[in-house]
N, C-alpha and C. Protein backbone atom coordinates (compact mmCIF):
# COMPACT_ATOMS: atom_id res chain seq x y z
N MET A 1 35.77 27.87 -118.53
CA MET A 1 36.21 28.28 -117.20
C MET A 1 37.20 27.26 -116.63
N ASN A 2 37.07 25.99 -117.01
CA ASN A 2 38.02 24.99 -116.52
C ASN A 2 39.44 25.28 -116.98
N SER A 3 39.58 25.78 -118.23
CA SER A 3 40.93 26.10 -118.72
C SER A 3 41.51 27.27 -117.95
N LEU A 4 40.69 28.25 -117.59
CA LEU A 4 41.14 29.38 -116.80
C LEU A 4 41.61 28.90 -115.42
N GLN A 5 40.80 28.09 -114.77
CA GLN A 5 41.15 27.60 -113.44
C GLN A 5 42.42 26.74 -113.48
N SER A 6 42.52 25.85 -114.46
CA SER A 6 43.71 25.00 -114.57
C SER A 6 44.97 25.82 -114.82
N ALA A 7 44.86 26.80 -115.74
CA ALA A 7 46.03 27.62 -116.07
C ALA A 7 46.47 28.45 -114.87
N LEU A 8 45.52 29.11 -114.21
CA LEU A 8 45.87 29.96 -113.07
C LEU A 8 46.38 29.13 -111.88
N ALA A 9 45.79 27.99 -111.66
CA ALA A 9 46.27 27.13 -110.57
C ALA A 9 47.74 26.77 -110.79
N GLY A 10 48.10 26.47 -112.04
CA GLY A 10 49.50 26.15 -112.36
C GLY A 10 50.42 27.35 -112.18
N ILE A 11 50.00 28.50 -112.67
CA ILE A 11 50.80 29.72 -112.57
C ILE A 11 50.97 30.13 -111.11
N TRP A 12 49.91 29.99 -110.34
CA TRP A 12 49.91 30.43 -108.94
C TRP A 12 50.34 29.35 -107.96
N CYS A 13 50.92 28.26 -108.44
CA CYS A 13 51.46 27.18 -107.59
C CYS A 13 50.36 26.49 -106.77
N ASN A 14 49.25 26.21 -107.40
CA ASN A 14 48.14 25.45 -106.80
C ASN A 14 47.76 25.92 -105.40
N PRO A 15 47.24 27.14 -105.28
CA PRO A 15 46.84 27.63 -103.96
C PRO A 15 45.72 26.76 -103.38
N LYS A 16 45.81 26.52 -102.09
CA LYS A 16 44.85 25.64 -101.41
C LYS A 16 43.44 26.21 -101.50
N GLY A 17 42.49 25.36 -101.89
CA GLY A 17 41.09 25.75 -101.94
C GLY A 17 40.73 26.66 -103.09
N PHE A 18 41.60 26.78 -104.10
CA PHE A 18 41.35 27.69 -105.21
C PHE A 18 40.21 27.18 -106.07
N ARG A 19 39.21 28.06 -106.29
CA ARG A 19 38.12 27.76 -107.21
C ARG A 19 37.59 29.07 -107.78
N ILE A 20 36.88 28.94 -108.88
CA ILE A 20 36.37 30.11 -109.61
C ILE A 20 34.87 29.94 -109.84
N GLU A 21 34.14 31.04 -109.68
CA GLU A 21 32.73 31.09 -110.05
C GLU A 21 32.52 32.29 -110.97
N GLU A 22 31.75 32.09 -112.04
CA GLU A 22 31.41 33.20 -112.93
C GLU A 22 30.19 33.91 -112.36
N ILE A 23 30.36 35.18 -111.99
CA ILE A 23 29.30 35.97 -111.37
C ILE A 23 28.34 36.51 -112.45
N VAL A 24 28.90 37.19 -113.43
CA VAL A 24 28.21 37.64 -114.63
C VAL A 24 29.15 37.33 -115.79
N PRO A 25 28.69 37.36 -117.03
CA PRO A 25 29.61 37.03 -118.14
C PRO A 25 30.92 37.83 -118.08
N LYS A 26 32.02 37.11 -118.16
CA LYS A 26 33.38 37.65 -118.15
C LYS A 26 33.78 38.31 -116.84
N THR A 27 33.04 38.05 -115.78
CA THR A 27 33.41 38.54 -114.44
C THR A 27 33.38 37.34 -113.50
N PHE A 28 34.53 37.07 -112.89
CA PHE A 28 34.69 35.87 -112.08
C PHE A 28 35.03 36.23 -110.64
N GLN A 29 34.61 35.36 -109.75
CA GLN A 29 35.02 35.49 -108.35
C GLN A 29 35.94 34.32 -108.03
N PHE A 30 37.10 34.65 -107.45
CA PHE A 30 38.08 33.63 -107.09
C PHE A 30 38.01 33.40 -105.60
N PHE A 31 38.15 32.14 -105.20
CA PHE A 31 38.11 31.76 -103.79
C PHE A 31 39.42 31.07 -103.43
N PHE A 32 39.93 31.38 -102.25
CA PHE A 32 41.16 30.79 -101.73
C PHE A 32 40.95 30.46 -100.26
N ASP A 33 41.63 29.44 -99.77
CA ASP A 33 41.57 29.11 -98.35
C ASP A 33 42.54 29.95 -97.52
N ASN A 34 43.62 30.41 -98.16
CA ASN A 34 44.71 31.04 -97.44
C ASN A 34 44.84 32.51 -97.84
N GLU A 35 44.79 33.40 -96.87
CA GLU A 35 44.90 34.84 -97.12
C GLU A 35 46.27 35.22 -97.68
N THR A 36 47.30 34.45 -97.34
CA THR A 36 48.64 34.74 -97.87
C THR A 36 48.67 34.52 -99.38
N ASP A 37 47.95 33.52 -99.87
CA ASP A 37 47.86 33.31 -101.31
C ASP A 37 47.18 34.50 -101.98
N VAL A 38 46.11 35.00 -101.37
CA VAL A 38 45.40 36.16 -101.91
C VAL A 38 46.35 37.34 -102.03
N SER A 39 47.07 37.63 -100.97
CA SER A 39 48.01 38.77 -100.97
C SER A 39 49.09 38.61 -102.03
N ARG A 40 49.65 37.41 -102.13
CA ARG A 40 50.72 37.14 -103.09
C ARG A 40 50.21 37.32 -104.53
N ILE A 41 49.02 36.82 -104.79
CA ILE A 41 48.46 36.88 -106.14
C ILE A 41 48.07 38.32 -106.50
N LEU A 42 47.48 39.05 -105.57
CA LEU A 42 47.13 40.45 -105.83
C LEU A 42 48.38 41.29 -106.05
N LYS A 43 49.45 40.99 -105.32
CA LYS A 43 50.70 41.74 -105.47
C LYS A 43 51.32 41.53 -106.85
N GLY A 44 51.07 40.38 -107.46
CA GLY A 44 51.66 40.06 -108.76
C GLY A 44 50.88 40.59 -109.96
N THR A 45 49.81 41.35 -109.71
CA THR A 45 49.01 41.84 -110.83
C THR A 45 49.78 42.86 -111.65
N PRO A 46 49.48 43.08 -112.89
CA PRO A 46 48.41 42.42 -113.63
C PRO A 46 48.86 41.05 -114.12
N TRP A 47 47.93 40.13 -114.20
CA TRP A 47 48.20 38.79 -114.73
C TRP A 47 47.71 38.76 -116.17
N LEU A 48 48.36 37.95 -116.98
CA LEU A 48 47.96 37.81 -118.37
C LEU A 48 47.40 36.41 -118.57
N PHE A 49 46.29 36.33 -119.28
CA PHE A 49 45.69 35.05 -119.65
C PHE A 49 45.21 35.16 -121.08
N ARG A 50 45.73 34.28 -121.95
CA ARG A 50 45.39 34.28 -123.38
C ARG A 50 45.54 35.67 -124.00
N ASN A 51 46.66 36.28 -123.70
CA ASN A 51 47.04 37.58 -124.26
C ASN A 51 46.07 38.71 -123.89
N SER A 52 45.46 38.60 -122.73
CA SER A 52 44.60 39.66 -122.20
C SER A 52 44.90 39.85 -120.73
N TRP A 53 44.67 41.07 -120.24
CA TRP A 53 44.84 41.32 -118.83
C TRP A 53 43.75 40.63 -118.04
N LEU A 54 44.13 40.04 -116.95
CA LEU A 54 43.18 39.51 -115.98
C LEU A 54 43.24 40.50 -114.82
N ILE A 55 42.23 41.36 -114.74
CA ILE A 55 42.23 42.43 -113.73
C ILE A 55 41.62 41.89 -112.45
N LEU A 56 42.42 41.88 -111.39
CA LEU A 56 41.98 41.36 -110.09
C LEU A 56 41.75 42.51 -109.13
N LYS A 57 40.65 42.45 -108.41
CA LYS A 57 40.32 43.45 -107.40
C LYS A 57 39.87 42.72 -106.13
N GLN A 58 40.27 43.26 -104.99
CA GLN A 58 39.86 42.70 -103.70
C GLN A 58 38.35 42.93 -103.53
N TRP A 59 37.66 41.93 -103.07
CA TRP A 59 36.22 42.02 -102.85
C TRP A 59 35.94 41.84 -101.36
N SER A 60 34.97 42.60 -100.85
CA SER A 60 34.57 42.47 -99.45
C SER A 60 33.14 41.94 -99.38
N ARG A 61 32.88 41.15 -98.37
CA ARG A 61 31.54 40.60 -98.17
C ARG A 61 30.51 41.73 -98.14
N GLY A 62 29.42 41.55 -98.82
CA GLY A 62 28.38 42.57 -98.86
C GLY A 62 28.59 43.62 -99.93
N GLN A 63 29.73 43.59 -100.61
CA GLN A 63 30.02 44.56 -101.66
C GLN A 63 29.36 44.12 -102.96
N SER A 64 28.69 45.04 -103.62
CA SER A 64 28.04 44.76 -104.90
C SER A 64 29.08 44.68 -106.00
N ILE A 65 28.88 43.76 -106.94
CA ILE A 65 29.81 43.62 -108.06
C ILE A 65 29.84 44.91 -108.89
N ASP A 66 28.71 45.63 -108.92
CA ASP A 66 28.64 46.89 -109.68
C ASP A 66 29.47 48.00 -109.06
N SER A 67 29.82 47.87 -107.78
CA SER A 67 30.59 48.93 -107.11
C SER A 67 32.10 48.77 -107.31
N ILE A 68 32.52 47.69 -107.92
CA ILE A 68 33.96 47.46 -108.14
C ILE A 68 34.36 48.04 -109.49
N ASP A 69 35.40 48.86 -109.48
CA ASP A 69 35.88 49.53 -110.68
C ASP A 69 36.95 48.67 -111.36
N PHE A 70 36.59 48.05 -112.47
CA PHE A 70 37.53 47.23 -113.22
C PHE A 70 38.22 48.01 -114.34
N SER A 71 38.05 49.32 -114.36
CA SER A 71 38.63 50.12 -115.44
C SER A 71 40.05 50.60 -115.11
N THR A 72 40.54 50.30 -113.92
CA THR A 72 41.91 50.69 -113.57
C THR A 72 42.74 49.45 -113.26
N ILE A 73 44.03 49.61 -113.47
CA ILE A 73 44.95 48.51 -113.21
C ILE A 73 46.28 49.09 -112.73
N SER A 74 46.90 48.43 -111.77
CA SER A 74 48.24 48.83 -111.32
C SER A 74 49.26 48.16 -112.24
N ILE A 75 50.10 48.97 -112.85
CA ILE A 75 51.09 48.45 -113.78
C ILE A 75 52.44 49.12 -113.54
N ARG A 76 53.49 48.35 -113.73
CA ARG A 76 54.84 48.90 -113.60
C ARG A 76 55.28 49.48 -114.94
N VAL A 77 55.85 50.67 -114.86
CA VAL A 77 56.31 51.37 -116.06
C VAL A 77 57.74 51.82 -115.83
N GLN A 78 58.60 51.50 -116.78
CA GLN A 78 59.99 51.96 -116.73
C GLN A 78 60.07 53.31 -117.44
N ILE A 79 60.89 54.20 -116.88
CA ILE A 79 61.08 55.53 -117.47
C ILE A 79 62.55 55.65 -117.87
N TRP A 80 62.80 55.79 -119.16
CA TRP A 80 64.14 55.83 -119.72
C TRP A 80 64.41 57.18 -120.37
N GLY A 81 65.69 57.46 -120.61
CA GLY A 81 66.09 58.64 -121.37
C GLY A 81 66.23 59.91 -120.55
N LEU A 82 66.23 59.79 -119.25
CA LEU A 82 66.33 60.98 -118.40
C LEU A 82 67.78 61.37 -118.18
N PRO A 83 68.06 62.66 -118.07
CA PRO A 83 69.41 63.07 -117.66
C PRO A 83 69.69 62.51 -116.25
N SER A 84 70.93 62.31 -115.92
CA SER A 84 71.28 61.66 -114.65
C SER A 84 70.73 62.40 -113.43
N HIS A 85 70.68 63.74 -113.47
CA HIS A 85 70.19 64.47 -112.30
C HIS A 85 68.66 64.33 -112.12
N CYS A 86 67.99 63.78 -113.12
CA CYS A 86 66.53 63.57 -113.02
C CYS A 86 66.16 62.14 -112.62
N ARG A 87 67.14 61.27 -112.51
CA ARG A 87 66.85 59.87 -112.18
C ARG A 87 66.77 59.68 -110.66
N THR A 88 65.68 60.18 -110.09
CA THR A 88 65.44 60.05 -108.65
C THR A 88 64.02 59.53 -108.45
N ALA A 89 63.79 58.92 -107.29
CA ALA A 89 62.45 58.42 -106.98
C ALA A 89 61.44 59.56 -106.98
N LYS A 90 61.85 60.74 -106.52
CA LYS A 90 60.95 61.89 -106.49
C LYS A 90 60.51 62.27 -107.91
N MET A 91 61.45 62.25 -108.86
CA MET A 91 61.11 62.53 -110.26
C MET A 91 60.20 61.44 -110.83
N GLY A 92 60.38 60.22 -110.37
CA GLY A 92 59.52 59.13 -110.81
C GLY A 92 58.06 59.42 -110.47
N PHE A 93 57.83 59.94 -109.26
CA PHE A 93 56.46 60.30 -108.87
C PHE A 93 55.91 61.41 -109.77
N LYS A 94 56.76 62.41 -110.07
CA LYS A 94 56.30 63.54 -110.89
C LYS A 94 56.02 63.11 -112.34
N ILE A 95 56.94 62.38 -112.93
CA ILE A 95 56.77 61.97 -114.32
C ILE A 95 55.67 60.91 -114.44
N GLY A 96 55.63 59.98 -113.50
CA GLY A 96 54.61 58.94 -113.50
C GLY A 96 53.20 59.49 -113.38
N ALA A 97 53.07 60.68 -112.78
CA ALA A 97 51.74 61.30 -112.61
C ALA A 97 51.08 61.60 -113.96
N PHE A 98 51.86 61.67 -115.05
CA PHE A 98 51.27 61.84 -116.38
C PHE A 98 50.46 60.61 -116.78
N LEU A 99 50.76 59.47 -116.15
CA LEU A 99 50.10 58.21 -116.50
C LEU A 99 48.92 57.89 -115.58
N GLY A 100 48.99 58.36 -114.34
CA GLY A 100 47.96 58.04 -113.36
C GLY A 100 48.50 58.25 -111.96
N LYS A 101 47.86 57.62 -110.99
CA LYS A 101 48.28 57.76 -109.59
C LYS A 101 49.47 56.84 -109.31
N VAL A 102 50.60 57.43 -108.93
CA VAL A 102 51.82 56.67 -108.66
C VAL A 102 51.83 56.23 -107.20
N THR A 103 52.03 54.93 -106.98
CA THR A 103 52.08 54.41 -105.61
C THR A 103 53.49 53.99 -105.18
N GLU A 104 54.38 53.76 -106.15
CA GLU A 104 55.78 53.41 -105.85
C GLU A 104 56.67 54.02 -106.92
N SER A 105 57.90 54.36 -106.52
CA SER A 105 58.89 54.86 -107.47
C SER A 105 60.27 54.47 -106.98
N ASP A 106 61.07 53.87 -107.87
CA ASP A 106 62.42 53.43 -107.51
C ASP A 106 63.38 53.69 -108.67
N VAL A 107 64.66 53.78 -108.32
CA VAL A 107 65.73 53.91 -109.31
C VAL A 107 66.37 52.54 -109.46
N PHE A 108 66.58 52.10 -110.71
CA PHE A 108 67.21 50.81 -110.97
C PHE A 108 68.49 51.03 -111.75
N GLU A 109 69.55 50.36 -111.30
CA GLU A 109 70.86 50.43 -111.96
C GLU A 109 70.98 49.29 -112.97
N CYS A 110 71.50 49.58 -114.14
CA CYS A 110 71.73 48.57 -115.17
C CYS A 110 73.11 47.95 -114.98
N LYS A 111 73.24 46.68 -115.28
CA LYS A 111 74.54 46.00 -115.17
C LYS A 111 75.57 46.64 -116.08
N GLU A 112 75.11 47.09 -117.26
CA GLU A 112 76.01 47.69 -118.25
C GLU A 112 76.34 49.14 -117.91
N GLY A 113 75.79 49.66 -116.84
CA GLY A 113 75.96 51.07 -116.49
C GLY A 113 74.69 51.84 -116.80
N GLY A 114 74.54 52.97 -116.17
CA GLY A 114 73.34 53.77 -116.37
C GLY A 114 72.22 53.32 -115.44
N SER A 115 71.12 54.02 -115.52
CA SER A 115 69.99 53.69 -114.65
C SER A 115 68.69 54.16 -115.29
N PHE A 116 67.60 53.70 -114.74
CA PHE A 116 66.27 54.12 -115.18
C PHE A 116 65.36 54.13 -113.97
N LEU A 117 64.20 54.72 -114.13
CA LEU A 117 63.21 54.75 -113.06
C LEU A 117 62.14 53.70 -113.33
N LYS A 118 61.55 53.18 -112.27
CA LYS A 118 60.42 52.28 -112.41
C LYS A 118 59.36 52.74 -111.44
N VAL A 119 58.14 52.92 -111.96
CA VAL A 119 57.03 53.38 -111.13
C VAL A 119 55.89 52.36 -111.20
N LEU A 120 55.14 52.29 -110.11
CA LEU A 120 53.91 51.51 -110.08
C LEU A 120 52.78 52.52 -110.16
N VAL A 121 51.97 52.42 -111.22
CA VAL A 121 50.95 53.43 -111.51
C VAL A 121 49.57 52.78 -111.62
N GLU A 122 48.59 53.41 -110.99
CA GLU A 122 47.20 53.01 -111.16
C GLU A 122 46.70 53.72 -112.42
N MET A 123 46.53 52.95 -113.50
CA MET A 123 46.20 53.52 -114.81
C MET A 123 44.77 53.19 -115.20
N ASP A 124 44.18 54.09 -115.97
CA ASP A 124 42.85 53.89 -116.52
C ASP A 124 42.99 53.11 -117.83
N THR A 125 42.42 51.90 -117.88
CA THR A 125 42.57 51.05 -119.05
C THR A 125 41.79 51.56 -120.26
N ARG A 126 40.92 52.53 -120.07
CA ARG A 126 40.13 53.08 -121.17
C ARG A 126 40.89 54.15 -121.93
N LYS A 127 42.01 54.63 -121.37
CA LYS A 127 42.79 55.68 -122.01
C LYS A 127 43.94 55.05 -122.82
N PRO A 128 44.31 55.69 -123.93
CA PRO A 128 45.43 55.16 -124.71
C PRO A 128 46.75 55.32 -123.95
N LEU A 129 47.67 54.41 -124.23
CA LEU A 129 49.01 54.49 -123.62
C LEU A 129 49.79 55.60 -124.31
N ILE A 130 50.59 56.32 -123.53
CA ILE A 130 51.46 57.33 -124.13
C ILE A 130 52.89 56.80 -124.15
N THR A 131 53.65 57.23 -125.13
CA THR A 131 55.00 56.70 -125.32
C THR A 131 56.04 57.40 -124.46
N GLY A 132 55.73 58.62 -124.01
CA GLY A 132 56.67 59.35 -123.18
C GLY A 132 56.22 60.79 -123.01
N VAL A 133 57.09 61.57 -122.35
CA VAL A 133 56.80 62.99 -122.12
C VAL A 133 58.10 63.78 -122.17
N PRO A 134 58.01 65.06 -122.56
CA PRO A 134 59.22 65.90 -122.51
C PRO A 134 59.46 66.33 -121.07
N VAL A 135 60.71 66.34 -120.65
CA VAL A 135 61.06 66.81 -119.30
C VAL A 135 62.23 67.77 -119.41
N GLY A 136 62.29 68.70 -118.50
CA GLY A 136 63.40 69.64 -118.47
C GLY A 136 62.92 71.08 -118.47
N SER A 137 63.86 71.95 -118.77
CA SER A 137 63.57 73.38 -118.79
C SER A 137 64.42 74.05 -119.86
N LYS A 138 64.14 75.31 -120.12
CA LYS A 138 64.94 76.06 -121.09
C LYS A 138 66.39 76.14 -120.62
N LYS A 139 66.56 76.29 -119.32
CA LYS A 139 67.90 76.43 -118.73
C LYS A 139 68.72 75.14 -118.89
N ASP A 140 68.11 74.00 -118.53
CA ASP A 140 68.83 72.72 -118.54
C ASP A 140 68.69 71.96 -119.85
N GLY A 141 67.74 72.38 -120.68
CA GLY A 141 67.46 71.65 -121.91
C GLY A 141 66.32 70.66 -121.70
N VAL A 142 65.69 70.29 -122.77
CA VAL A 142 64.54 69.38 -122.70
C VAL A 142 64.95 68.02 -123.23
N SER A 143 64.58 66.98 -122.49
CA SER A 143 64.83 65.59 -122.90
C SER A 143 63.50 64.87 -123.04
N TRP A 144 63.52 63.77 -123.77
CA TRP A 144 62.32 62.95 -123.92
C TRP A 144 62.44 61.76 -122.97
N ALA A 145 61.52 61.68 -122.01
CA ALA A 145 61.45 60.52 -121.12
C ALA A 145 60.49 59.54 -121.78
N TYR A 146 61.01 58.38 -122.15
CA TYR A 146 60.12 57.41 -122.81
C TYR A 146 59.78 56.27 -121.87
N PHE A 147 58.59 55.72 -122.09
CA PHE A 147 58.02 54.72 -121.19
C PHE A 147 58.11 53.32 -121.81
N LYS A 148 58.45 52.37 -120.96
CA LYS A 148 58.37 50.94 -121.30
C LYS A 148 57.41 50.31 -120.31
N TYR A 149 56.28 49.86 -120.82
CA TYR A 149 55.25 49.27 -119.96
C TYR A 149 55.55 47.78 -119.76
N GLU A 150 55.44 47.33 -118.53
CA GLU A 150 55.66 45.92 -118.23
C GLU A 150 54.32 45.18 -118.23
N LYS A 151 54.35 43.94 -118.64
CA LYS A 151 53.18 43.05 -118.65
C LYS A 151 52.03 43.57 -119.51
N LEU A 152 52.37 44.02 -120.71
CA LEU A 152 51.31 44.40 -121.64
C LEU A 152 50.84 43.16 -122.38
N PRO A 153 49.53 43.07 -122.65
CA PRO A 153 49.04 41.92 -123.44
C PRO A 153 49.45 42.06 -124.89
């Protein structure tokens, strides 16, 4: 546990009052003095430690550890290969829904030209990752929208 605390303290810029307690095997509770550090760290999820996801969930006083669902994680996914008329935030929500609950969707422009979509999706870690989905219609033609997952272990 000391290696975990040392590594995370370094990655997270030594948040004031940071300490870790192991609640049950492989389940830890993190403590911070500053709520801004908590918000910043939760916003940066998922975190990787020793090539594994470190799934962080907000805990409330009086909440049982058994009531916290550690089977989902918010992850950013890039969506590539779409025709230009499909590269909209609205389409990001629709296509991202194949992966899970979409909470954000944006269009990103590439320096070399072109663009792609990026969505923030609440995904079930127990399900296999999919590589993409077909999009389009008989009228417009069908394209393959392929996914690039960010921060995979």
